[in-house]
Amino acid sequence: MQPVSLFDLASQQAKWLSVRQTAVSSNIANANTPGYGMREVEPFEAVLNQTSVSMRATHPLHLAGANAVGEFNVRQVNDDHPTMPSGNTVVLENELMKSGEVRRSFEMNTAIVRSFHRMLMMTTRG
């Protein structure tokens, strides 16, 4: 079993959140651009599935996780989104909600890292 580095995971999530924030802000900025297709980043769960971090089952009925951090895929999304008369697929309300989710996730990530850093410093100081 390999050790889990919380700080590496938090750093990876912060990078992912930065990419997602860029995609969301690009969608918002191009909301009135004719023919612009909404862009989305792969979910962070997909990134975690590519890492060496996995869940350990302590009971046969518990779920297990999976396996190496790759690049984040930003893709154009055309499925379940309405197309405006201009050919644009951005729904501003959804993008603003995503923007709020990204902000809350950044705050949560920062709070977790701060707490673990404080705990680590207390254990090393004695």
N, C-alpha and C. Protein backbone atom coordinates (compact mmCIF):
# COMPACT_ATOMS: atom_id res chain seq x y z
N MET A 1 0.84 -1.18 0.00
CA MET A 1 0.00 0.00 0.00
C MET A 1 0.88 1.24 0.00
N GLN A 2 0.58 2.20 -0.86
CA GLN A 2 1.36 3.42 -0.94
C GLN A 2 0.76 4.49 -0.04
N PRO A 3 1.61 5.37 0.50
CA PRO A 3 1.07 6.45 1.34
C PRO A 3 0.29 7.46 0.49
N VAL A 4 -0.73 8.03 1.07
CA VAL A 4 -1.55 9.02 0.38
C VAL A 4 -1.05 10.40 0.79
N SER A 5 -0.69 11.19 -0.17
CA SER A 5 -0.26 12.55 0.12
C SER A 5 -1.43 13.50 -0.08
N LEU A 6 -1.99 13.94 1.01
CA LEU A 6 -3.14 14.83 0.96
C LEU A 6 -2.78 16.12 0.23
N PHE A 7 -1.57 16.60 0.44
CA PHE A 7 -1.18 17.85 -0.19
C PHE A 7 -1.07 17.70 -1.71
N ASP A 8 -0.63 16.55 -2.19
CA ASP A 8 -0.59 16.30 -3.63
C ASP A 8 -2.00 16.25 -4.21
N LEU A 9 -2.90 15.58 -3.51
CA LEU A 9 -4.30 15.51 -3.97
C LEU A 9 -4.94 16.89 -3.99
N ALA A 10 -4.68 17.68 -2.95
CA ALA A 10 -5.25 19.02 -2.88
C ALA A 10 -4.68 19.89 -4.00
N SER A 11 -3.41 19.73 -4.28
CA SER A 11 -2.78 20.49 -5.36
C SER A 11 -3.39 20.10 -6.71
N GLN A 12 -3.60 18.81 -6.90
CA GLN A 12 -4.19 18.32 -8.16
C GLN A 12 -5.61 18.86 -8.30
N GLN A 13 -6.37 18.88 -7.21
CA GLN A 13 -7.73 19.40 -7.29
C GLN A 13 -7.72 20.90 -7.55
N ALA A 14 -6.79 21.63 -6.96
CA ALA A 14 -6.70 23.07 -7.20
C ALA A 14 -6.38 23.35 -8.67
N LYS A 15 -5.50 22.54 -9.26
CA LYS A 15 -5.21 22.70 -10.70
C LYS A 15 -6.46 22.41 -11.52
N TRP A 16 -7.17 21.35 -11.17
CA TRP A 16 -8.39 20.99 -11.88
C TRP A 16 -9.43 22.11 -11.76
N LEU A 17 -9.58 22.65 -10.54
CA LEU A 17 -10.54 23.74 -10.34
C LEU A 17 -10.17 24.97 -11.16
N SER A 18 -8.88 25.22 -11.29
CA SER A 18 -8.42 26.34 -12.10
C SER A 18 -8.80 26.15 -13.57
N VAL A 19 -8.62 24.94 -14.07
CA VAL A 19 -8.99 24.64 -15.46
C VAL A 19 -10.50 24.76 -15.63
N ARG A 20 -11.25 24.27 -14.65
CA ARG A 20 -12.71 24.34 -14.74
C ARG A 20 -13.19 25.78 -14.68
N GLN A 21 -12.56 26.58 -13.82
CA GLN A 21 -12.93 27.99 -13.72
C GLN A 21 -12.66 28.71 -15.05
N THR A 22 -11.57 28.36 -15.71
CA THR A 22 -11.26 28.95 -17.02
C THR A 22 -12.31 28.56 -18.05
N ALA A 23 -12.72 27.30 -18.05
CA ALA A 23 -13.74 26.84 -19.00
C ALA A 23 -15.07 27.54 -18.75
N VAL A 24 -15.46 27.66 -17.48
CA VAL A 24 -16.73 28.30 -17.13
C VAL A 24 -16.69 29.78 -17.50
N SER A 25 -15.58 30.47 -17.18
CA SER A 25 -15.49 31.90 -17.51
C SER A 25 -15.47 32.11 -19.02
N SER A 26 -14.87 31.19 -19.75
CA SER A 26 -14.89 31.27 -21.21
C SER A 26 -16.30 31.10 -21.74
N ASN A 27 -17.06 30.20 -21.15
CA ASN A 27 -18.46 30.00 -21.54
C ASN A 27 -19.27 31.27 -21.28
N ILE A 28 -19.06 31.87 -20.11
CA ILE A 28 -19.80 33.08 -19.76
C ILE A 28 -19.42 34.22 -20.70
N ALA A 29 -18.12 34.36 -20.98
CA ALA A 29 -17.66 35.44 -21.84
C ALA A 29 -18.19 35.30 -23.27
N ASN A 30 -18.43 34.09 -23.70
CA ASN A 30 -18.90 33.85 -25.07
C ASN A 30 -20.38 33.52 -25.14
N ALA A 31 -21.12 33.88 -24.12
CA ALA A 31 -22.55 33.54 -24.07
C ALA A 31 -23.33 34.13 -25.23
N ASN A 32 -22.88 35.25 -25.79
CA ASN A 32 -23.59 35.89 -26.90
C ASN A 32 -22.89 35.70 -28.24
N THR A 33 -21.86 34.87 -28.27
CA THR A 33 -21.13 34.64 -29.51
C THR A 33 -21.89 33.62 -30.36
N PRO A 34 -22.26 34.00 -31.57
CA PRO A 34 -23.01 33.07 -32.43
C PRO A 34 -22.19 31.81 -32.72
N GLY A 35 -22.81 30.65 -32.59
CA GLY A 35 -22.18 29.38 -32.92
C GLY A 35 -21.21 28.85 -31.87
N TYR A 36 -21.06 29.55 -30.75
CA TYR A 36 -20.13 29.09 -29.71
C TYR A 36 -20.71 27.87 -29.02
N GLY A 37 -19.91 26.83 -28.88
CA GLY A 37 -20.34 25.61 -28.18
C GLY A 37 -19.80 25.60 -26.76
N MET A 38 -20.65 25.31 -25.81
CA MET A 38 -20.26 25.27 -24.41
C MET A 38 -19.13 24.26 -24.20
N ARG A 39 -18.18 24.59 -23.33
CA ARG A 39 -17.07 23.71 -23.01
C ARG A 39 -17.17 23.28 -21.55
N GLU A 40 -16.75 22.05 -21.28
CA GLU A 40 -16.79 21.51 -19.92
C GLU A 40 -15.53 20.69 -19.69
N VAL A 41 -15.12 20.58 -18.44
CA VAL A 41 -13.95 19.81 -18.04
C VAL A 41 -14.42 18.48 -17.49
N GLU A 42 -13.61 17.43 -17.73
CA GLU A 42 -13.98 16.12 -17.19
C GLU A 42 -14.14 16.22 -15.67
N PRO A 43 -15.03 15.46 -15.07
CA PRO A 43 -15.24 15.52 -13.62
C PRO A 43 -13.96 15.13 -12.86
N PHE A 44 -13.79 15.68 -11.67
CA PHE A 44 -12.60 15.38 -10.87
C PHE A 44 -12.56 13.91 -10.47
N GLU A 45 -13.70 13.28 -10.38
CA GLU A 45 -13.74 11.85 -10.07
C GLU A 45 -12.99 11.06 -11.14
N ALA A 46 -13.10 11.48 -12.40
CA ALA A 46 -12.38 10.80 -13.47
C ALA A 46 -10.87 10.98 -13.30
N VAL A 47 -10.47 12.15 -12.81
CA VAL A 47 -9.04 12.38 -12.54
C VAL A 47 -8.58 11.50 -11.39
N LEU A 48 -9.40 11.39 -10.35
CA LEU A 48 -9.06 10.53 -9.21
C LEU A 48 -8.97 9.08 -9.61
N ASN A 49 -9.80 8.66 -10.55
CA ASN A 49 -9.76 7.28 -11.01
C ASN A 49 -8.46 6.96 -11.73
N GLN A 50 -7.74 7.99 -12.17
CA GLN A 50 -6.48 7.80 -12.86
C GLN A 50 -5.29 7.88 -11.90
N THR A 51 -5.52 8.14 -10.63
CA THR A 51 -4.42 8.27 -9.67
C THR A 51 -4.12 6.93 -9.01
N SER A 52 -3.05 6.91 -8.23
CA SER A 52 -2.68 5.70 -7.51
C SER A 52 -3.43 5.59 -6.18
N VAL A 53 -4.28 6.56 -5.90
CA VAL A 53 -5.07 6.53 -4.67
C VAL A 53 -6.26 5.61 -4.86
N SER A 54 -6.43 4.72 -3.92
CA SER A 54 -7.58 3.83 -4.02
C SER A 54 -8.16 3.59 -2.63
N MET A 55 -9.42 3.27 -2.62
CA MET A 55 -10.10 2.97 -1.37
C MET A 55 -9.73 1.55 -0.96
N ARG A 56 -9.62 1.33 0.32
CA ARG A 56 -9.34 -0.01 0.80
C ARG A 56 -10.60 -0.55 1.46
N ALA A 57 -11.05 -1.68 0.98
CA ALA A 57 -12.27 -2.28 1.53
C ALA A 57 -11.95 -2.98 2.84
N THR A 58 -12.65 -2.59 3.87
CA THR A 58 -12.48 -3.25 5.16
C THR A 58 -13.55 -4.30 5.39
N HIS A 59 -14.48 -4.36 4.45
CA HIS A 59 -15.56 -5.32 4.51
C HIS A 59 -15.88 -5.70 3.07
N PRO A 60 -16.20 -6.95 2.79
CA PRO A 60 -16.44 -7.37 1.40
C PRO A 60 -17.55 -6.58 0.69
N LEU A 61 -18.48 -6.01 1.44
CA LEU A 61 -19.57 -5.27 0.81
C LEU A 61 -19.24 -3.79 0.57
N HIS A 62 -18.06 -3.32 1.03
CA HIS A 62 -17.67 -1.93 0.82
C HIS A 62 -17.18 -1.74 -0.61
N LEU A 63 -17.31 -0.52 -1.09
CA LEU A 63 -16.85 -0.19 -2.43
C LEU A 63 -15.35 0.03 -2.44
N ALA A 64 -14.72 -0.24 -3.57
CA ALA A 64 -13.29 0.03 -3.73
C ALA A 64 -13.10 1.08 -4.82
N GLY A 65 -12.03 1.82 -4.72
CA GLY A 65 -11.74 2.85 -5.72
C GLY A 65 -10.83 2.31 -6.81
N ALA A 66 -10.18 3.19 -7.55
CA ALA A 66 -9.31 2.74 -8.62
C ALA A 66 -7.94 3.40 -8.65
N ASN A 67 -7.20 3.88 -9.93
CA ASN A 67 -5.75 3.99 -10.19
C ASN A 67 -5.20 5.25 -10.85
N ALA A 68 -3.60 7.17 -12.04
CA ALA A 68 -2.42 7.95 -12.27
C ALA A 68 -2.89 9.21 -12.94
N VAL A 69 -2.68 10.24 -12.33
CA VAL A 69 -3.20 11.53 -12.72
C VAL A 69 -2.76 11.90 -14.13
N GLY A 70 -3.72 12.19 -14.97
CA GLY A 70 -3.41 12.60 -16.34
C GLY A 70 -3.79 14.05 -16.53
N GLU A 71 -3.83 14.47 -17.76
CA GLU A 71 -4.22 15.84 -18.08
C GLU A 71 -5.73 15.96 -17.97
N PHE A 72 -6.19 17.18 -17.84
CA PHE A 72 -7.62 17.42 -17.74
C PHE A 72 -8.17 17.63 -19.13
N ASN A 73 -9.22 16.94 -19.45
CA ASN A 73 -9.81 17.05 -20.78
C ASN A 73 -10.91 18.09 -20.78
N VAL A 74 -10.72 19.13 -21.58
CA VAL A 74 -11.76 20.13 -21.79
C VAL A 74 -12.38 19.79 -23.12
N ARG A 75 -13.68 19.58 -23.12
CA ARG A 75 -14.34 19.18 -24.35
C ARG A 75 -15.55 20.06 -24.60
N GLN A 76 -15.93 20.12 -25.84
CA GLN A 76 -17.12 20.86 -26.20
C GLN A 76 -18.32 19.95 -25.97
N VAL A 77 -19.34 20.50 -25.33
CA VAL A 77 -20.52 19.72 -24.98
C VAL A 77 -21.69 20.17 -25.84
N ASN A 78 -22.34 19.22 -26.46
CA ASN A 78 -23.49 19.57 -27.30
C ASN A 78 -24.73 18.77 -26.95
N ASP A 79 -24.60 17.80 -26.03
CA ASP A 79 -25.74 16.93 -25.75
C ASP A 79 -26.91 17.67 -25.12
N ASP A 80 -27.28 17.51 -23.95
CA ASP A 80 -28.54 17.93 -23.33
C ASP A 80 -28.71 19.43 -23.16
N HIS A 81 -28.10 20.25 -23.98
CA HIS A 81 -28.19 21.68 -23.80
C HIS A 81 -28.95 22.30 -24.96
N PRO A 82 -29.86 23.21 -24.63
CA PRO A 82 -30.63 23.84 -25.72
C PRO A 82 -29.72 24.71 -26.60
N THR A 83 -30.03 24.75 -27.86
CA THR A 83 -29.29 25.60 -28.79
C THR A 83 -30.09 26.86 -29.04
N MET A 84 -29.44 27.99 -28.85
CA MET A 84 -30.09 29.28 -29.08
C MET A 84 -30.23 29.51 -30.59
N PRO A 85 -31.07 30.45 -30.97
CA PRO A 85 -31.21 30.74 -32.41
C PRO A 85 -29.88 31.10 -33.07
N SER A 86 -28.95 31.65 -32.30
CA SER A 86 -27.64 32.01 -32.86
C SER A 86 -26.72 30.80 -33.00
N GLY A 87 -27.17 29.63 -32.52
CA GLY A 87 -26.34 28.43 -32.58
C GLY A 87 -25.49 28.25 -31.33
N ASN A 88 -25.65 29.13 -30.36
CA ASN A 88 -24.89 29.08 -29.11
C ASN A 88 -25.55 28.08 -28.16
N THR A 89 -24.73 27.31 -27.41
CA THR A 89 -25.28 26.31 -26.49
C THR A 89 -25.06 26.66 -25.02
N VAL A 90 -24.63 27.89 -24.73
CA VAL A 90 -24.35 28.28 -23.34
C VAL A 90 -25.64 28.74 -22.66
N VAL A 91 -25.92 28.17 -21.48
CA VAL A 91 -27.03 28.61 -20.65
C VAL A 91 -26.40 29.36 -19.48
N LEU A 92 -26.57 30.67 -19.45
CA LEU A 92 -25.89 31.52 -18.49
C LEU A 92 -26.17 31.14 -17.04
N GLU A 93 -27.41 30.78 -16.73
CA GLU A 93 -27.76 30.42 -15.36
C GLU A 93 -26.95 29.21 -14.89
N ASN A 94 -26.81 28.21 -15.78
CA ASN A 94 -26.04 27.02 -15.41
C ASN A 94 -24.57 27.36 -15.20
N GLU A 95 -24.03 28.23 -16.05
CA GLU A 95 -22.62 28.60 -15.93
C GLU A 95 -22.37 29.38 -14.64
N LEU A 96 -23.31 30.24 -14.25
CA LEU A 96 -23.15 30.98 -13.00
C LEU A 96 -23.23 30.06 -11.79
N MET A 97 -24.07 29.02 -11.88
CA MET A 97 -24.12 28.04 -10.79
C MET A 97 -22.81 27.27 -10.71
N LYS A 98 -22.25 26.90 -11.87
CA LYS A 98 -20.96 26.21 -11.89
C LYS A 98 -19.86 27.09 -11.30
N SER A 99 -19.92 28.38 -11.60
CA SER A 99 -18.94 29.31 -11.07
C SER A 99 -18.99 29.34 -9.54
N GLY A 100 -20.19 29.32 -8.99
CA GLY A 100 -20.35 29.27 -7.53
C GLY A 100 -19.82 27.96 -6.95
N GLU A 101 -20.05 26.85 -7.65
CA GLU A 101 -19.53 25.55 -7.20
C GLU A 101 -18.01 25.55 -7.17
N VAL A 102 -17.39 26.14 -8.20
CA VAL A 102 -15.93 26.21 -8.25
C VAL A 102 -15.40 27.02 -7.08
N ARG A 103 -16.04 28.17 -6.80
CA ARG A 103 -15.60 29.01 -5.68
C ARG A 103 -15.70 28.25 -4.35
N ARG A 104 -16.82 27.58 -4.13
CA ARG A 104 -16.99 26.82 -2.88
C ARG A 104 -15.97 25.69 -2.79
N SER A 105 -15.67 25.05 -3.90
CA SER A 105 -14.69 23.97 -3.90
C SER A 105 -13.29 24.49 -3.61
N PHE A 106 -12.94 25.66 -4.16
CA PHE A 106 -11.66 26.29 -3.84
C PHE A 106 -11.56 26.58 -2.34
N GLU A 107 -12.65 27.12 -1.78
CA GLU A 107 -12.66 27.44 -0.35
C GLU A 107 -12.51 26.18 0.50
N MET A 108 -13.20 25.11 0.12
CA MET A 108 -13.12 23.84 0.86
C MET A 108 -11.71 23.27 0.76
N ASN A 109 -11.13 23.28 -0.43
CA ASN A 109 -9.78 22.78 -0.64
C ASN A 109 -8.79 23.54 0.24
N THR A 110 -8.90 24.86 0.24
CA THR A 110 -8.00 25.69 1.04
C THR A 110 -8.17 25.42 2.52
N ALA A 111 -9.39 25.26 2.97
CA ALA A 111 -9.64 25.00 4.40
C ALA A 111 -9.07 23.66 4.83
N ILE A 112 -9.21 22.65 3.98
CA ILE A 112 -8.67 21.32 4.31
C ILE A 112 -7.14 21.36 4.38
N VAL A 113 -6.53 22.00 3.38
CA VAL A 113 -5.06 22.09 3.37
C VAL A 113 -4.57 22.87 4.59
N ARG A 114 -5.24 23.97 4.90
CA ARG A 114 -4.86 24.77 6.07
C ARG A 114 -4.95 23.94 7.35
N SER A 115 -6.04 23.19 7.51
CA SER A 115 -6.21 22.37 8.71
C SER A 115 -5.14 21.30 8.84
N PHE A 116 -4.86 20.61 7.74
CA PHE A 116 -3.84 19.56 7.79
C PHE A 116 -2.44 20.15 7.97
N HIS A 117 -2.20 21.30 7.40
CA HIS A 117 -0.90 21.95 7.59
C HIS A 117 -0.73 22.33 9.05
N ARG A 118 -1.77 22.88 9.65
CA ARG A 118 -1.72 23.24 11.07
C ARG A 118 -1.48 22.00 11.93
N MET A 119 -2.18 20.91 11.62
CA MET A 119 -2.00 19.67 12.37
C MET A 119 -0.59 19.13 12.21
N LEU A 120 -0.06 19.17 10.99
CA LEU A 120 1.29 18.70 10.73
C LEU A 120 2.32 19.54 11.49
N MET A 121 2.11 20.85 11.52
CA MET A 121 3.03 21.73 12.23
C MET A 121 2.99 21.48 13.74
N MET A 122 1.79 21.20 14.27
CA MET A 122 1.69 20.90 15.71
C MET A 122 2.40 19.62 16.07
N THR A 123 2.34 18.61 15.20
CA THR A 123 2.99 17.34 15.51
C THR A 123 4.51 17.44 15.38
N THR A 124 5.00 18.28 14.49
CA THR A 124 6.46 18.41 14.34
C THR A 124 7.07 19.31 15.41
N ARG A 125 6.30 20.24 15.94
CA ARG A 125 6.82 21.13 16.98
C ARG A 125 6.81 20.46 18.35
N GLY A 126 5.95 19.49 18.49
CA GLY A 126 5.94 18.77 19.76
C GLY A 126 4.94 19.20 20.72
